[in-house]
Amino acid sequence: QEKLGLNFAPPQYDKAHTLNSDLVLSQLKLVNPTQYRFEHLATQMKWRLQEGRGEAVYQIGVEDNGLLVGLSEADMRASLRTLRRMAEKVGADITVLREREVDYESEEPRKIAEVLVRKVPDDQQFLDLRVAVLGNVDSGKSTLLGVLTQGELDNGRGRARLNLFRHLHEIQTGRTSSISFEILGFDSKGEVVNYSDSRTAEEICESASKMITFIDLAGHHKYLKTTIFGLTSYCPDFAMLVVSANTGIVGTTREHLGLAMALKVPIFIVVSKVDLCTKAMVERTVRQLERILKQPGCNKVPLVVSSTDDAVTAAQQFAQSPSITPIFTLSSVSGENLDLLKVFFNILPPLSNSKEQEELMQQLTEFQVDEIYTVPDVGTVVGGTLYSGICREGEQLVVGPTDDGQFRELTVCSIQRNRSACRVLRAGQAATLALGDFDRSLLRKGMVMVSPEMNPTICWLFEAEIVLLFHAKTFHKGFQVTVHVGNVRQTATVEALQGKDELRTGEKAVVRFKFIKHPEYLKVGAKLLFRHGVTKANLYLACVLGDQ
């Protein structure tokens, strides 16, 4: 009860129930419970689903001390029937993830089962996970997303990726240069919901109880600033690094891996194009990845996924331990092992629980502006992420800072999330907000829309504790660098280094920066990246010196 963090006092749990982790519940057996016991179990499931934001995993046939006892075939069927009744009572569905036989002191075969319970979503409350897609140019990122979201395999010449491109030059060159979003849904039974049945985005949102939003980022070094903006601004829950099996770790692959690790985004790896390679070549690429992940700078534990059982284990371990790094080997042309990746996405739990979500929602509204559009008959539209609070249609907010450091009043006319209308936006969700006839020229990327009660402050100068990841020479006062803090991207000058004259690769210092163009809205403690040419450094904002 304490581990669940519940704020009510339910009946005492008996020994048949225990909590193995934040995700998994163990039940020895659920055979013919009394009405009182059934109501107790259903209440327990309801609160567990609420705590897991609509998902929970039950282990049947496991003792409360973790001992794999197993159940007979008849007991297992009866227990699954009871679990299905419990799920129906609370408006959820169950999916058996895996079953296996166990060795126990018994003549008849005994089994244990792992069951995913997923609640049918309330109004627009599907579970949404954001996955940033990284990797070198031509590694097959957009093609993989096209295959997952369209439901059709690629023809080997890039047909699957055409629907993802936003610009003509992207179609002509086959290279992503901008940030695009694609959605993959799963219903309450764990079935894939995508565009394959000629569904619209609105229909996918209506029938899915879990949504994976892919943020397709650019692989070419020329578009590195766009990729960094996607990682810092869109707050991805996870990062998927795509590596081509026939080329291995080349180009920006190491850089992208370093960026995700610097921003502490949990990362998993997909080795694509295995249909073009021999088995030996695929194994060589996987060994190369394992070697890099085990190095002192990474300290990761690679987990190669080769079966459905591995995919289930990988999803559960990945969410619990940041050091676990699953590695998938697949083909977007032959479809080999594509189902394992779908199983992984289906089971992958959210990083935050409902309690953390509630705390964010109780704060004042703060929306980060990442994109600005003008839509005919609608007016000015901004896209971005709600960092905290709740945003409703008709809400009065202030937007800024402008070049002169001011915040201007505006009204949210309507909200769209995943291309479908939405009345209420909650903390952590991405959406587009229509602002009516608000002057677009007053807006820019990097602004924030906040509640007027917040009384937001702006800054020209700020201090940050930095670690210089790599620089060929020395880093000193007077340097001009491009700073990325959340959705803010601007050039800043190094004003001073505390206690040092210069910095070299691997050294730490507290540095004072000054923006050169206009003031920005920053928060103390924000993660920050800067680069000078090909230099990258990881920073943690130490303190904001106020509006100067």
Protein backbone atom coordinates (compact mmCIF):
# COMPACT_ATOMS: atom_id res chain seq x y z
CA GLN A 1 0.00 0.00 0.00
CA GLU A 2 2.86 2.37 0.84
CA LYS A 3 4.74 1.41 -2.33
CA LEU A 4 1.68 2.17 -4.43
CA GLY A 5 1.50 5.66 -2.91
CA LEU A 6 -2.30 5.51 -2.56
CA ASN A 7 -4.17 8.10 -0.55
CA PHE A 8 -6.94 5.83 0.70
CA ALA A 9 -7.11 2.82 3.00
CA PRO A 10 -8.33 -0.24 1.05
CA PRO A 11 -8.80 -3.63 2.77
CA GLN A 12 -5.49 -5.26 3.72
CA TYR A 13 -3.88 -7.16 0.81
CA ASP A 14 -3.50 -10.87 1.54
CA LYS A 15 -0.43 -13.00 0.87
CA ALA A 16 -1.56 -13.89 -2.64
CA HIS A 17 -0.68 -10.34 -3.70
CA THR A 18 2.62 -8.53 -3.67
CA LEU A 19 4.25 -5.75 -5.63
CA ASN A 20 7.47 -6.77 -7.40
CA SER A 21 8.14 -3.35 -8.93
CA ASP A 22 6.28 -0.23 -9.99
CA LEU A 23 4.84 -2.25 -12.88
CA VAL A 24 4.33 -5.94 -12.02
CA LEU A 25 1.88 -7.52 -9.59
CA SER A 26 2.14 -11.19 -8.60
CA GLN A 27 -0.92 -13.35 -7.94
CA LEU A 28 -0.48 -17.00 -7.00
CA LYS A 29 -3.95 -17.96 -8.19
CA LEU A 30 -7.42 -16.46 -8.63
CA VAL A 31 -9.64 -19.54 -8.59
CA ASN A 32 -13.35 -19.11 -7.71
CA PRO A 33 -13.00 -16.12 -5.35
CA THR A 34 -15.89 -15.20 -3.03
CA GLN A 35 -17.92 -12.12 -3.95
CA TYR A 36 -16.17 -10.07 -1.22
CA ARG A 37 -12.74 -11.23 -2.37
CA PHE A 38 -13.65 -10.52 -6.02
CA GLU A 39 -14.75 -6.94 -5.18
CA HIS A 40 -11.53 -6.47 -3.22
CA LEU A 41 -9.41 -7.69 -6.18
CA ALA A 42 -11.33 -5.49 -8.65
CA THR A 43 -10.79 -2.41 -6.44
CA GLN A 44 -7.12 -3.29 -6.20
CA MET A 45 -6.91 -3.54 -10.02
CA LYS A 46 -8.72 -0.22 -10.48
CA TRP A 47 -6.27 1.67 -8.29
CA ARG A 48 -3.28 -0.15 -9.77
CA LEU A 49 -4.39 0.90 -13.27
CA GLN A 50 -4.81 4.47 -12.10
CA GLU A 51 -1.29 4.44 -10.61
CA GLY A 52 0.19 2.95 -13.81
CA ARG A 53 -1.67 5.49 -16.01
CA GLY A 54 -3.94 2.81 -17.49
CA GLU A 55 -1.57 -0.19 -17.52
CA ALA A 56 -0.56 -2.99 -15.14
CA VAL A 57 1.11 -6.39 -15.54
CA TYR A 58 -0.08 -9.39 -13.49
CA GLN A 59 2.05 -12.49 -12.93
CA ILE A 60 -0.10 -15.58 -12.32
CA GLY A 61 1.46 -18.55 -10.53
CA VAL A 62 4.15 -16.62 -8.62
CA GLU A 63 4.44 -16.63 -4.81
CA ASP A 64 4.65 -13.36 -2.88
CA ASN A 65 8.37 -14.00 -2.28
CA GLY A 66 8.99 -14.32 -6.05
CA LEU A 67 9.08 -18.15 -6.07
CA LEU A 68 7.88 -19.57 -9.43
CA VAL A 69 5.35 -22.16 -8.17
CA GLY A 70 3.18 -22.41 -11.29
CA LEU A 71 -0.42 -23.57 -11.67
CA SER A 72 -2.04 -26.59 -13.23
CA GLU A 73 -3.78 -26.12 -16.59
CA ALA A 74 -7.24 -26.04 -14.93
CA ASP A 75 -6.19 -23.53 -12.24
CA MET A 76 -4.49 -21.32 -14.84
CA ARG A 77 -7.63 -21.22 -17.01
CA ALA A 78 -9.80 -20.44 -13.97
CA SER A 79 -7.41 -17.69 -12.82
CA LEU A 80 -7.40 -16.08 -16.28
CA ARG A 81 -11.24 -16.20 -16.34
CA THR A 82 -11.32 -14.39 -12.97
CA LEU A 83 -8.79 -11.82 -14.18
CA ARG A 84 -10.91 -11.21 -17.29
CA ARG A 85 -14.03 -10.66 -15.12
CA MET A 86 -12.09 -8.23 -12.91
CA ALA A 87 -10.90 -6.33 -16.00
CA GLU A 88 -14.45 -6.12 -17.42
CA LYS A 89 -15.70 -4.72 -14.12
CA VAL A 90 -13.19 -1.84 -14.21
CA GLY A 91 -13.55 -1.28 -17.99
CA ALA A 92 -10.22 -2.83 -19.03
CA ASP A 93 -9.00 -5.62 -21.33
CA ILE A 94 -6.37 -8.30 -20.74
CA THR A 95 -3.70 -9.74 -23.04
CA VAL A 96 -1.58 -12.78 -22.16
CA LEU A 97 2.00 -11.64 -22.85
CA ARG A 98 3.71 -14.98 -22.29
CA GLU A 99 3.26 -18.39 -20.67
CA ARG A 100 5.94 -20.84 -19.69
CA GLU A 101 6.26 -24.13 -17.84
CA VAL A 102 8.20 -24.25 -14.56
CA ASP A 103 9.98 -27.05 -12.75
CA TYR A 104 8.25 -27.57 -9.41
CA GLU A 105 7.78 -30.58 -7.13
CA SER A 106 4.77 -31.88 -8.98
CA GLU A 107 3.96 -34.70 -11.39
CA GLU A 108 1.66 -32.67 -13.65
CA PRO A 109 3.06 -29.77 -15.73
CA ARG A 110 2.73 -26.35 -14.08
CA LYS A 111 2.69 -22.96 -15.81
CA ILE A 112 3.16 -19.31 -14.97
CA ALA A 113 1.68 -16.51 -17.07
CA GLU A 114 2.29 -12.79 -17.48
CA VAL A 115 -0.81 -10.77 -18.35
CA LEU A 116 -1.07 -7.13 -19.48
CA VAL A 117 -4.16 -5.30 -18.20
CA ARG A 118 -4.97 -2.11 -20.10
CA LYS A 119 -7.87 0.19 -19.40
CA VAL A 120 -10.14 1.31 -22.20
CA PRO A 121 -9.32 5.03 -22.38
CA ASP A 122 -11.59 7.67 -20.88
CA ASP A 123 -12.35 10.69 -23.05
CA GLN A 124 -9.07 11.58 -24.87
CA GLN A 125 -7.03 10.06 -22.06
CA PHE A 126 -4.99 7.52 -24.01
CA LEU A 127 -1.46 6.89 -22.72
CA ASP A 128 0.98 8.86 -24.89
CA LEU A 129 4.72 8.07 -25.13
CA ARG A 130 7.08 10.20 -27.24
CA VAL A 131 9.99 8.46 -28.98
CA ALA A 132 12.73 10.51 -30.70
CA VAL A 133 14.22 8.70 -33.73
CA LEU A 134 17.98 9.23 -34.11
CA GLY A 135 20.68 7.80 -36.37
CA ASN A 136 23.03 8.59 -39.25
CA VAL A 137 21.76 9.73 -42.65
CA ASP A 138 20.53 6.79 -44.83
CA SER A 139 20.23 4.42 -41.85
CA GLY A 140 16.51 3.84 -42.59
CA LYS A 141 14.81 5.96 -39.89
CA SER A 142 11.97 7.43 -41.98
CA THR A 143 11.45 4.13 -43.84
CA LEU A 144 11.08 2.23 -40.54
CA LEU A 145 8.55 4.78 -39.27
CA GLY A 146 6.67 4.58 -42.58
CA VAL A 147 6.42 0.78 -42.28
CA LEU A 148 5.28 0.94 -38.60
CA THR A 149 2.69 3.69 -39.08
CA GLN A 150 1.37 2.82 -42.57
CA GLY A 151 1.28 -0.96 -42.06
CA GLU A 152 2.95 -1.76 -45.42
CA LEU A 153 6.47 -3.06 -45.99
CA ASP A 154 8.96 -0.99 -48.00
CA ASN A 155 9.85 -1.92 -51.61
CA GLY A 156 13.59 -1.46 -51.00
CA ARG A 157 13.63 1.94 -52.75
CA GLY A 158 12.08 4.14 -50.04
CA ARG A 159 8.37 4.01 -50.94
CA ALA A 160 7.34 3.66 -47.26
CA ARG A 161 8.91 6.97 -46.23
CA LEU A 162 7.22 9.21 -48.82
CA ASN A 163 4.23 9.98 -46.58
CA LEU A 164 6.53 11.26 -43.82
CA PHE A 165 8.33 13.96 -45.80
CA ARG A 166 7.20 17.58 -45.40
CA HIS A 167 9.15 19.29 -48.21
CA LEU A 168 9.73 18.68 -51.93
CA HIS A 169 13.53 18.64 -51.53
CA GLU A 170 13.17 15.86 -48.92
CA ILE A 171 11.28 13.71 -51.44
CA GLN A 172 13.86 14.46 -54.16
CA THR A 173 16.93 13.71 -52.00
CA GLY A 174 15.35 11.10 -49.70
CA ARG A 175 16.79 12.92 -46.69
CA THR A 176 14.87 14.33 -43.73
CA SER A 177 15.74 17.98 -43.00
CA SER A 178 12.87 18.95 -40.69
CA ILE A 179 11.13 17.48 -37.64
CA SER A 180 8.02 15.43 -38.43
CA PHE A 181 5.62 13.51 -36.19
CA GLU A 182 4.04 10.10 -36.81
CA ILE A 183 1.68 8.10 -34.60
CA LEU A 184 1.34 4.38 -33.88
CA GLY A 185 -1.57 3.25 -31.70
CA PHE A 186 -2.36 0.12 -29.69
CA ASP A 187 -5.89 -0.77 -28.58
CA SER A 188 -6.77 -2.16 -25.14
CA LYS A 189 -6.19 -5.73 -26.42
CA GLY A 190 -2.67 -4.86 -27.61
CA GLU A 191 -3.52 -4.86 -31.33
CA VAL A 192 -1.75 -2.35 -33.62
CA VAL A 193 -3.85 0.65 -34.73
CA ASN A 194 -2.31 2.54 -37.66
CA TYR A 195 -3.15 4.00 -41.08
CA SER A 196 -3.30 0.55 -42.75
CA ASP A 197 -7.12 0.38 -42.81
CA SER A 198 -7.38 3.86 -44.38
CA ARG A 199 -7.93 5.35 -40.95
CA THR A 200 -7.49 9.05 -40.30
CA ALA A 201 -5.40 10.32 -37.38
CA GLU A 202 -8.66 11.12 -35.58
CA GLU A 203 -9.89 7.53 -35.95
CA ILE A 204 -6.56 6.18 -34.66
CA CYS A 205 -6.83 8.40 -31.57
CA GLU A 206 -10.43 7.27 -30.96
CA SER A 207 -9.69 3.53 -31.11
CA ALA A 208 -6.24 3.51 -29.44
CA SER A 209 -5.74 3.28 -25.68
CA LYS A 210 -1.96 3.74 -26.01
CA MET A 211 -0.20 6.01 -28.49
CA ILE A 212 3.44 6.10 -29.53
CA THR A 213 4.34 9.49 -31.06
CA PHE A 214 7.51 9.23 -33.14
CA ILE A 215 9.61 12.39 -33.55
CA ASP A 216 11.48 11.83 -36.83
CA LEU A 217 14.76 13.77 -36.64
CA ALA A 218 17.38 14.55 -39.30
CA GLY A 219 20.46 12.32 -39.63
CA HIS A 220 22.66 14.56 -41.79
CA HIS A 221 25.36 16.58 -40.00
CA LYS A 222 24.17 19.70 -41.82
CA TYR A 223 20.88 19.53 -39.87
CA LEU A 224 22.44 18.81 -36.43
CA LYS A 225 20.92 21.96 -34.87
CA THR A 226 17.45 20.76 -35.93
CA THR A 227 18.10 17.36 -34.31
CA ILE A 228 19.30 18.97 -31.06
CA PHE A 229 16.21 21.23 -31.06
CA GLY A 230 13.99 18.14 -31.42
CA LEU A 231 15.69 16.44 -28.45
CA THR A 232 15.70 19.45 -26.12
CA SER A 233 12.36 21.02 -27.05
CA TYR A 234 9.95 18.10 -27.54
CA CYS A 235 10.89 16.32 -24.25
CA PRO A 236 10.95 12.74 -25.64
CA ASP A 237 10.38 9.90 -23.14
CA PHE A 238 12.70 7.57 -25.06
CA ALA A 239 15.14 7.67 -27.98
CA MET A 240 15.41 5.05 -30.74
CA LEU A 241 18.86 4.99 -32.38
CA VAL A 242 18.69 3.42 -35.86
CA VAL A 243 21.94 1.89 -37.15
CA SER A 244 22.28 0.40 -40.66
CA ALA A 245 23.56 -3.20 -40.51
CA ASN A 246 25.61 -2.81 -43.70
CA THR A 247 27.48 0.37 -42.69
CA GLY A 248 27.67 0.02 -38.89
CA ILE A 249 28.53 2.96 -36.62
CA VAL A 250 29.36 5.81 -39.00
CA GLY A 251 28.69 9.54 -39.44
CA THR A 252 26.52 11.14 -36.76
CA THR A 253 25.67 7.85 -34.95
CA ARG A 254 28.11 8.41 -32.07
CA GLU A 255 27.12 12.07 -31.87
CA HIS A 256 23.42 11.24 -31.59
CA LEU A 257 24.14 8.58 -28.95
CA GLY A 258 26.16 11.15 -26.98
CA LEU A 259 23.40 13.78 -27.24
CA ALA A 260 20.73 11.38 -25.92
CA MET A 261 22.99 10.33 -23.04
CA ALA A 262 23.93 13.94 -22.20
CA LEU A 263 20.22 14.80 -21.95
CA LYS A 264 19.58 11.57 -19.97
CA VAL A 265 17.01 10.24 -22.47
CA PRO A 266 16.73 6.40 -22.17
CA ILE A 267 17.91 4.92 -25.46
CA PHE A 268 17.32 1.63 -27.33
CA ILE A 269 18.88 0.58 -30.63
CA VAL A 270 17.43 -0.77 -33.88
CA VAL A 271 19.82 -2.37 -36.40
CA SER A 272 18.04 -1.97 -39.76
CA LYS A 273 18.57 -3.33 -43.30
CA VAL A 274 19.45 -6.87 -42.16
CA ASP A 275 17.99 -8.15 -45.48
CA LEU A 276 21.00 -6.58 -47.30
CA CYS A 277 23.63 -8.32 -45.15
CA THR A 278 24.95 -11.73 -44.29
CA LYS A 279 24.36 -13.01 -40.78
CA ALA A 280 28.07 -12.50 -40.00
CA MET A 281 27.87 -8.82 -40.99
CA VAL A 282 24.81 -8.23 -38.76
CA GLU A 283 26.58 -9.93 -35.84
CA ARG A 284 29.67 -7.76 -36.43
CA THR A 285 27.54 -4.57 -36.25
CA VAL A 286 25.84 -5.80 -33.04
CA ARG A 287 29.25 -6.62 -31.49
CA GLN A 288 30.48 -3.15 -32.47
CA LEU A 289 27.46 -1.60 -30.71
CA GLU A 290 27.92 -3.77 -27.61
CA ARG A 291 31.57 -2.71 -27.38
CA ILE A 292 30.66 1.02 -27.49
CA LEU A 293 27.78 0.64 -25.00
CA LYS A 294 30.04 -1.12 -22.46
CA GLN A 295 32.73 1.58 -22.59
CA PRO A 296 33.25 3.64 -19.38
CA GLY A 297 31.61 6.72 -20.96
CA CYS A 298 28.36 4.81 -21.63
CA ASN A 299 28.23 2.12 -18.91
CA LYS A 300 25.22 0.46 -20.57
CA VAL A 301 24.12 -3.18 -20.46
CA PRO A 302 23.22 -4.31 -24.03
CA LEU A 303 20.28 -6.73 -24.34
CA VAL A 304 19.89 -8.32 -27.80
CA VAL A 305 16.21 -9.08 -28.52
CA SER A 306 15.68 -12.26 -30.59
CA SER A 307 12.28 -13.57 -29.39
CA THR A 308 8.91 -12.35 -28.07
CA ASP A 309 10.00 -13.39 -24.58
CA ASP A 310 13.09 -11.16 -24.94
CA ALA A 311 10.92 -8.24 -26.14
CA VAL A 312 8.63 -8.49 -23.07
CA THR A 313 11.63 -8.69 -20.71
CA ALA A 314 13.38 -5.82 -22.52
CA ALA A 315 10.34 -3.49 -22.21
CA GLN A 316 9.99 -4.14 -18.47
CA GLN A 317 13.74 -3.94 -17.67
CA PHE A 318 14.29 -0.89 -19.89
CA ALA A 319 11.74 1.21 -18.00
CA GLN A 320 13.09 0.15 -14.58
CA SER A 321 16.83 0.48 -15.19
CA PRO A 322 18.38 3.30 -17.28
CA SER A 323 21.50 1.20 -17.93
CA ILE A 324 19.65 -1.54 -19.90
CA THR A 325 19.85 -0.94 -23.68
CA PRO A 326 17.73 -3.28 -25.86
CA ILE A 327 19.09 -3.99 -29.36
CA PHE A 328 16.70 -5.09 -32.16
CA THR A 329 17.78 -6.43 -35.57
CA LEU A 330 15.11 -6.05 -38.26
CA SER A 331 14.29 -5.31 -41.88
CA SER A 332 11.73 -2.81 -43.21
CA VAL A 333 11.66 -4.68 -46.56
CA SER A 334 11.23 -8.33 -45.50
CA GLY A 335 9.51 -7.48 -42.20
CA GLU A 336 11.94 -9.71 -40.26
CA ASN A 337 11.64 -9.17 -36.46
CA LEU A 338 9.34 -6.17 -36.98
CA ASP A 339 6.74 -7.81 -34.69
CA LEU A 340 9.27 -7.89 -31.82
CA LEU A 341 9.58 -4.11 -31.98
CA LYS A 342 5.76 -3.78 -31.92
CA VAL A 343 5.55 -6.06 -28.86
CA PHE A 344 8.19 -3.87 -27.18
CA PHE A 345 6.25 -0.65 -27.90
CA ASN A 346 2.98 -2.26 -26.76
CA ILE A 347 4.36 -3.17 -23.32
CA LEU A 348 6.73 -0.22 -22.78
CA PRO A 349 5.43 1.59 -19.64
CA PRO A 350 5.50 5.37 -19.05
CA LEU A 351 8.44 6.84 -17.12
CA SER A 352 6.27 8.98 -14.83
CA ASN A 353 3.47 7.68 -12.63
CA SER A 354 0.07 9.29 -12.09
CA LYS A 355 1.22 11.02 -8.87
CA GLU A 356 4.00 12.93 -10.68
CA GLN A 357 1.53 13.78 -13.46
CA GLU A 358 -0.98 15.15 -10.92
CA GLU A 359 1.71 17.33 -9.31
CA LEU A 360 2.64 18.84 -12.71
CA MET A 361 -1.03 19.48 -13.54
CA GLN A 362 -1.53 21.41 -10.27
CA GLN A 363 1.16 23.95 -11.21
CA LEU A 364 0.49 27.11 -13.23
CA THR A 365 0.16 26.77 -17.03
CA GLU A 366 3.37 26.86 -19.10
CA PHE A 367 3.30 26.02 -22.82
CA GLN A 368 6.53 25.96 -24.88
CA VAL A 369 6.20 27.34 -28.44
CA ASP A 370 8.08 25.11 -30.94
CA GLU A 371 6.28 25.76 -34.26
CA ILE A 372 4.28 28.67 -35.69
CA TYR A 373 1.81 28.43 -38.61
CA THR A 374 -0.83 30.51 -40.36
CA VAL A 375 -3.89 28.39 -41.24
CA PRO A 376 -6.60 29.71 -43.61
CA ASP A 377 -9.93 30.46 -41.82
CA VAL A 378 -8.28 29.68 -38.45
CA GLY A 379 -5.55 32.31 -38.13
CA THR A 380 -2.31 32.00 -36.18
CA VAL A 381 -1.55 28.51 -34.79
CA VAL A 382 1.31 27.51 -32.47
CA GLY A 383 2.58 23.97 -31.86
CA GLY A 384 4.47 22.78 -28.81
CA THR A 385 4.37 20.99 -25.46
CA LEU A 386 2.49 21.85 -22.27
CA TYR A 387 5.25 21.74 -19.66
CA SER A 388 2.99 22.19 -16.63
CA GLY A 389 -0.61 22.94 -15.61
CA ILE A 390 -3.80 22.51 -17.65
CA CYS A 391 -4.80 24.50 -20.74
CA ARG A 392 -8.45 24.85 -21.81
CA GLU A 393 -10.25 26.41 -24.76
CA GLY A 394 -10.92 30.10 -24.13
CA GLU A 395 -8.09 30.43 -21.58
CA GLN A 396 -6.34 33.80 -21.21
CA LEU A 397 -2.50 33.50 -21.29
CA VAL A 398 0.49 35.78 -21.84
CA VAL A 399 3.17 35.04 -24.47
CA GLY A 400 6.77 36.21 -24.57
CA PRO A 401 9.38 37.40 -24.11
CA THR A 402 9.37 39.74 -27.13
CA ASP A 403 12.57 41.46 -28.33
CA ASP A 404 12.00 44.22 -25.78
CA GLY A 405 11.35 41.71 -22.97
CA GLN A 406 7.57 42.14 -22.78
CA PHE A 407 4.74 39.54 -22.47
CA ARG A 408 1.53 40.06 -24.47
CA GLU A 409 -1.96 38.83 -23.67
CA LEU A 410 -3.76 36.32 -25.91
CA THR A 411 -6.69 33.88 -25.90
CA VAL A 412 -6.57 30.15 -26.77
CA CYS A 413 -9.41 29.72 -29.30
CA SER A 414 -9.16 25.95 -29.91
CA ILE A 415 -6.84 22.98 -29.27
CA GLN A 416 -5.88 20.03 -31.48
CA ARG A 417 -3.92 17.01 -30.30
CA ASN A 418 -2.68 14.38 -32.79
CA ARG A 419 -4.72 16.14 -35.49
CA SER A 420 -8.03 15.75 -33.63
CA ALA A 421 -9.98 18.34 -31.61
CA CYS A 422 -9.38 18.42 -27.86
CA ARG A 423 -10.99 20.62 -25.18
CA VAL A 424 -8.45 20.17 -22.37
CA LEU A 425 -4.66 19.84 -22.58
CA ARG A 426 -2.79 18.31 -19.63
CA ALA A 427 0.86 18.64 -18.52
CA GLY A 428 3.29 16.64 -20.69
CA GLN A 429 1.02 16.56 -23.76
CA ALA A 430 1.96 18.05 -27.16
CA ALA A 431 -0.66 19.95 -29.16
CA THR A 432 -1.39 22.85 -31.49
CA LEU A 433 -3.27 25.90 -30.19
CA ALA A 434 -5.23 28.29 -32.42
CA LEU A 435 -4.78 31.94 -31.37
CA GLY A 436 -7.27 33.56 -33.77
CA ASP A 437 -6.15 36.90 -35.23
CA PHE A 438 -3.09 37.29 -32.96
CA ASP A 439 -0.25 38.90 -34.97
CA ARG A 440 2.11 36.10 -36.10
CA SER A 441 5.04 38.53 -36.47
CA LEU A 442 5.09 38.95 -32.68
CA LEU A 443 5.78 35.22 -32.19
CA ARG A 444 8.97 33.18 -32.57
CA LYS A 445 10.24 29.71 -31.62
CA GLY A 446 11.55 29.62 -28.06
CA MET A 447 8.76 31.72 -26.56
CA VAL A 448 6.51 30.50 -23.75
CA MET A 449 2.79 30.96 -23.14
CA VAL A 450 2.17 31.13 -19.40
CA SER A 451 -0.56 31.94 -16.90
CA PRO A 452 -0.62 35.70 -16.09
CA GLU A 453 -0.46 34.75 -12.38
CA MET A 454 3.04 33.33 -12.91
CA ASN A 455 4.50 36.84 -13.35
CA PRO A 456 7.29 35.46 -15.61
CA THR A 457 10.79 36.94 -15.47
CA ILE A 458 13.26 37.17 -18.34
CA CYS A 459 17.06 37.13 -18.50
CA TRP A 460 19.93 38.29 -20.66
CA LEU A 461 22.64 36.82 -18.42
CA PHE A 462 22.74 33.38 -16.81
CA GLU A 463 25.25 31.09 -15.15
CA ALA A 464 25.61 27.38 -15.80
CA GLU A 465 27.77 24.53 -14.53
CA ILE A 466 29.22 22.97 -17.68
CA VAL A 467 31.14 19.89 -18.73
CA LEU A 468 33.11 20.30 -21.97
CA LEU A 469 32.54 17.02 -23.86
CA PHE A 470 34.90 17.75 -26.73
CA HIS A 471 36.80 20.72 -28.13
CA ALA A 472 39.97 20.65 -30.21
CA LYS A 473 41.47 23.76 -28.56
CA THR A 474 40.76 25.69 -25.36
CA PHE A 475 37.43 27.24 -24.35
CA HIS A 476 37.73 30.77 -22.93
CA LYS A 477 36.04 34.15 -22.40
CA GLY A 478 34.73 35.79 -25.58
CA PHE A 479 33.62 32.55 -27.30
CA GLN A 480 30.30 32.69 -29.13
CA VAL A 481 28.27 29.49 -28.86
CA THR A 482 24.78 28.31 -29.85
CA VAL A 483 22.86 27.52 -26.66
CA HIS A 484 19.96 25.01 -26.52
CA VAL A 485 17.77 25.11 -23.36
CA GLY A 486 14.43 23.38 -23.88
CA ASN A 487 12.81 25.19 -26.81
CA VAL A 488 15.28 28.11 -26.62
CA ARG A 489 18.00 28.23 -29.29
CA GLN A 490 20.11 31.36 -29.47
CA THR A 491 23.72 32.51 -29.80
CA ALA A 492 25.34 33.55 -26.53
CA THR A 493 28.73 35.01 -25.59
CA VAL A 494 30.91 33.59 -22.82
CA GLU A 495 31.25 36.51 -20.36
CA ALA A 496 33.32 34.82 -17.63
CA LEU A 497 34.63 31.49 -16.28
CA GLN A 498 34.65 31.26 -12.48
CA GLY A 499 38.10 30.45 -11.06
CA LYS A 500 39.64 29.56 -14.45
CA ASP A 501 41.00 31.30 -17.53
CA GLU A 502 40.28 28.50 -19.98
CA LEU A 503 38.70 25.03 -20.27
CA ARG A 504 39.86 21.85 -22.04
CA THR A 505 38.01 18.65 -23.03
CA GLY A 506 36.53 16.84 -20.01
CA GLU A 507 36.86 19.78 -17.59
CA LYS A 508 34.06 21.36 -15.51
CA ALA A 509 33.41 24.99 -14.65
CA VAL A 510 30.70 27.51 -13.80
CA VAL A 511 30.38 29.83 -16.80
CA ARG A 512 28.47 33.09 -17.28
CA PHE A 513 26.73 33.47 -20.67
CA LYS A 514 24.99 36.46 -22.26
CA PHE A 515 22.40 36.22 -25.04
CA ILE A 516 23.29 38.48 -27.98
CA LYS A 517 19.92 38.98 -29.71
CA HIS A 518 17.01 39.10 -27.26
CA PRO A 519 16.19 38.01 -23.69
CA GLU A 520 14.78 34.54 -22.97
CA TYR A 521 12.60 32.82 -20.37
CA LEU A 522 14.78 30.25 -18.51
CA LYS A 523 14.15 28.02 -15.49
CA VAL A 524 16.72 27.24 -12.81
CA GLY A 525 17.88 23.61 -13.04
CA ALA A 526 17.10 23.15 -16.76
CA LYS A 527 19.36 20.89 -18.84
CA LEU A 528 21.29 22.75 -21.45
CA LEU A 529 23.50 21.94 -24.45
CA PHE A 530 25.77 24.31 -26.33
CA ARG A 531 27.96 23.93 -29.38
CA HIS A 532 30.70 25.97 -31.04
CA GLY A 533 31.13 24.66 -34.58
CA VAL A 534 31.37 20.91 -33.92
CA THR A 535 31.85 21.40 -30.15
CA LYS A 536 29.25 19.91 -27.83
CA ALA A 537 28.97 20.37 -24.08
CA ASN A 538 26.48 19.26 -21.49
CA LEU A 539 25.41 21.96 -19.04
CA TYR A 540 23.10 22.23 -16.06
CA LEU A 541 21.64 25.66 -15.46
CA ALA A 542 22.94 26.82 -12.08
CA CYS A 543 21.24 30.16 -11.53
CA VAL A 544 19.49 32.87 -13.51
CA LEU A 545 20.79 36.34 -12.78
CA GLY A 546 17.45 38.08 -13.41
CA ASP A 547 16.42 40.61 -16.04
CA GLN A 548 19.44 42.77 -16.72
